[in-house]
Amino acid sequence: MSEYVTVEVEYGDDANIAEIYVNQVLTRADEERYENPAAGDLGSPIAQMLYTAVEGINRLTISEDCLTIQRDSAYPWEAIIDEVRDALRDWYL
């Protein structure tokens, strides 16, 4: 597995939702959905890590190479994206 992690962000029509595409396999499952941080705390190890490491995530969907994040609007996207990138780089080291 490569230790080099890249992310590409796509924003949709909803200002509080973004898709983050990653060059690593995030899950082998079809899709993981976490409707809130409490569900994420009981979820897969990567979901637990993201909810712990990144403030402002309300909902999280994990697919093979994409994270779909719904944020708390009190947190700026720049901070969330930076924290997600850093957390994923640490995860794959």
C-alpha atoms as a PDB file:
ATOM      1  CA  MET A   1       0.000   0.000   0.000  1.00  0.00           C
ATOM      2  CA  SER A   2       1.280   3.426  -0.896  1.00  0.00           C
ATOM      3  CA  GLU A   3       1.981   5.858   1.901  1.00  0.00           C
ATOM      4  CA  TYR A   4       1.313   8.733  -0.476  1.00  0.00           C
ATOM      5  CA  VAL A   5      -2.232   9.999   0.012  1.00  0.00           C
ATOM      6  CA  THR A   6      -3.906  12.428  -2.341  1.00  0.00           C
ATOM      7  CA  VAL A   7      -7.349  13.936  -1.981  1.00  0.00           C
ATOM      8  CA  GLU A   8      -9.587  15.725  -4.449  1.00  0.00           C
ATOM      9  CA  VAL A   9     -12.621  17.604  -3.226  1.00  0.00           C
ATOM     10  CA  GLU A  10     -15.898  18.148  -5.069  1.00  0.00           C
ATOM     11  CA  TYR A  11     -18.587  20.414  -3.674  1.00  0.00           C
ATOM     12  CA  GLY A  12     -22.208  19.941  -4.633  1.00  0.00           C
ATOM     13  CA  ASP A  13     -25.259  22.158  -4.584  1.00  0.00           C
ATOM     14  CA  ASP A  14     -25.593  21.818  -0.810  1.00  0.00           C
ATOM     15  CA  ALA A  15     -22.967  24.052   0.827  1.00  0.00           C
ATOM     16  CA  ASN A  16     -22.639  21.620   3.729  1.00  0.00           C
ATOM     17  CA  ILE A  17     -21.832  18.492   1.697  1.00  0.00           C
ATOM     18  CA  ALA A  18     -18.568  17.605  -0.016  1.00  0.00           C
ATOM     19  CA  GLU A  19     -17.140  14.487  -1.621  1.00  0.00           C
ATOM     20  CA  ILE A  20     -13.489  13.745  -0.962  1.00  0.00           C
ATOM     21  CA  TYR A  21     -11.877  11.322  -3.399  1.00  0.00           C
ATOM     22  CA  VAL A  22      -8.805   9.491  -2.143  1.00  0.00           C
ATOM     23  CA  ASN A  23      -6.167   7.413  -3.950  1.00  0.00           C
ATOM     24  CA  GLN A  24      -6.391   4.686  -1.276  1.00  0.00           C
ATOM     25  CA  VAL A  25      -8.975   1.995  -0.565  1.00  0.00           C
ATOM     26  CA  LEU A  26     -11.113   3.274   2.282  1.00  0.00           C
ATOM     27  CA  THR A  27     -13.430   0.259   2.602  1.00  0.00           C
ATOM     28  CA  ARG A  28     -14.032  -3.066   0.920  1.00  0.00           C
ATOM     29  CA  ALA A  29     -17.729  -2.856   1.786  1.00  0.00           C
ATOM     30  CA  ASP A  30     -20.200  -1.480  -0.735  1.00  0.00           C
ATOM     31  CA  GLU A  31     -20.783   1.575   1.418  1.00  0.00           C
ATOM     32  CA  GLU A  32     -20.702   2.567   5.073  1.00  0.00           C
ATOM     33  CA  ARG A  33     -23.163   5.193   6.319  1.00  0.00           C
ATOM     34  CA  TYR A  34     -22.929   7.003   9.626  1.00  0.00           C
ATOM     35  CA  GLU A  35     -25.812   9.366  10.334  1.00  0.00           C
ATOM     36  CA  ASN A  36     -24.124  11.016  13.321  1.00  0.00           C
ATOM     37  CA  PRO A  37     -20.918  10.963  15.369  1.00  0.00           C
ATOM     38  CA  ALA A  38     -22.362   8.419  17.819  1.00  0.00           C
ATOM     39  CA  ALA A  39     -22.900   5.943  14.964  1.00  0.00           C
ATOM     40  CA  GLY A  40     -19.378   6.640  13.738  1.00  0.00           C
ATOM     41  CA  ASP A  41     -17.990   5.867  17.180  1.00  0.00           C
ATOM     42  CA  LEU A  42     -19.389   2.350  16.765  1.00  0.00           C
ATOM     43  CA  GLY A  43     -18.463   2.034  13.100  1.00  0.00           C
ATOM     44  CA  SER A  44     -15.452   0.796  11.208  1.00  0.00           C
ATOM     45  CA  PRO A  45     -11.983   1.753  12.433  1.00  0.00           C
ATOM     46  CA  ILE A  46     -11.593   4.434   9.741  1.00  0.00           C
ATOM     47  CA  ALA A  47     -14.963   5.978  10.651  1.00  0.00           C
ATOM     48  CA  GLN A  48     -13.990   6.017  14.311  1.00  0.00           C
ATOM     49  CA  MET A  49     -10.679   7.650  13.443  1.00  0.00           C
ATOM     50  CA  LEU A  50     -12.285  10.359  11.283  1.00  0.00           C
ATOM     51  CA  TYR A  51     -14.943  11.264  13.834  1.00  0.00           C
ATOM     52  CA  THR A  52     -12.266  11.447  16.538  1.00  0.00           C
ATOM     53  CA  ALA A  53      -9.669  13.356  14.502  1.00  0.00           C
ATOM     54  CA  VAL A  54     -11.889  15.816  12.605  1.00  0.00           C
ATOM     55  CA  GLU A  55     -14.243  18.262  14.255  1.00  0.00           C
ATOM     56  CA  GLY A  56     -17.336  19.339  12.369  1.00  0.00           C
ATOM     57  CA  ILE A  57     -18.392  16.092  10.668  1.00  0.00           C
ATOM     58  CA  ASN A  58     -22.125  15.523  11.139  1.00  0.00           C
ATOM     59  CA  ARG A  59     -22.674  12.662   8.671  1.00  0.00           C
ATOM     60  CA  LEU A  60     -20.205  10.440   6.900  1.00  0.00           C
ATOM     61  CA  THR A  61     -20.504   7.985   4.036  1.00  0.00           C
ATOM     62  CA  ILE A  62     -17.488   5.884   3.139  1.00  0.00           C
ATOM     63  CA  SER A  63     -17.176   4.079  -0.181  1.00  0.00           C
ATOM     64  CA  GLU A  64     -14.165   2.410  -1.766  1.00  0.00           C
ATOM     65  CA  ASP A  65     -12.332   5.640  -2.639  1.00  0.00           C
ATOM     66  CA  CYS A  66     -14.663   8.435  -1.529  1.00  0.00           C
ATOM     67  CA  LEU A  67     -15.775  10.111   1.680  1.00  0.00           C
ATOM     68  CA  THR A  68     -19.034  12.030   1.523  1.00  0.00           C
ATOM     69  CA  ILE A  69     -19.125  14.450   4.419  1.00  0.00           C
ATOM     70  CA  GLN A  70     -21.948  16.574   5.709  1.00  0.00           C
ATOM     71  CA  ARG A  71     -20.450  19.217   7.950  1.00  0.00           C
ATOM     72  CA  ASP A  72     -21.662  21.325  10.815  1.00  0.00           C
ATOM     73  CA  SER A  73     -21.864  24.769   9.164  1.00  0.00           C
ATOM     74  CA  ALA A  74     -20.009  26.305  12.131  1.00  0.00           C
ATOM     75  CA  TYR A  75     -16.815  24.642  10.832  1.00  0.00           C
ATOM     76  CA  PRO A  76     -15.151  25.947   7.652  1.00  0.00           C
ATOM     77  CA  TRP A  77     -14.495  23.491   4.857  1.00  0.00           C
ATOM     78  CA  GLU A  78     -10.829  24.451   4.714  1.00  0.00           C
ATOM     79  CA  ALA A  79     -10.267  23.244   8.279  1.00  0.00           C
ATOM     80  CA  ILE A  80     -12.262  20.040   7.791  1.00  0.00           C
ATOM     81  CA  ILE A  81     -10.486  19.151   4.539  1.00  0.00           C
ATOM     82  CA  ASP A  82      -7.055  19.838   6.051  1.00  0.00           C
ATOM     83  CA  GLU A  83      -7.855  17.689   9.086  1.00  0.00           C
ATOM     84  CA  VAL A  84      -9.233  14.864   6.928  1.00  0.00           C
ATOM     85  CA  ARG A  85      -6.122  14.948   4.724  1.00  0.00           C
ATOM     86  CA  ASP A  86      -3.799  14.878   7.741  1.00  0.00           C
ATOM     87  CA  ALA A  87      -5.785  12.094   9.440  1.00  0.00           C
ATOM     88  CA  LEU A  88      -5.739   9.941   6.308  1.00  0.00           C
ATOM     89  CA  ARG A  89      -2.005  10.465   5.822  1.00  0.00           C
ATOM     90  CA  ASP A  90      -1.393   9.361   9.401  1.00  0.00           C
ATOM     91  CA  TRP A  91      -3.765   6.401   8.919  1.00  0.00           C
ATOM     92  CA  TYR A  92      -1.911   5.069   5.886  1.00  0.00           C
ATOM     93  CA  LEU A  93       1.627   5.515   7.265  1.00  0.00           C
END
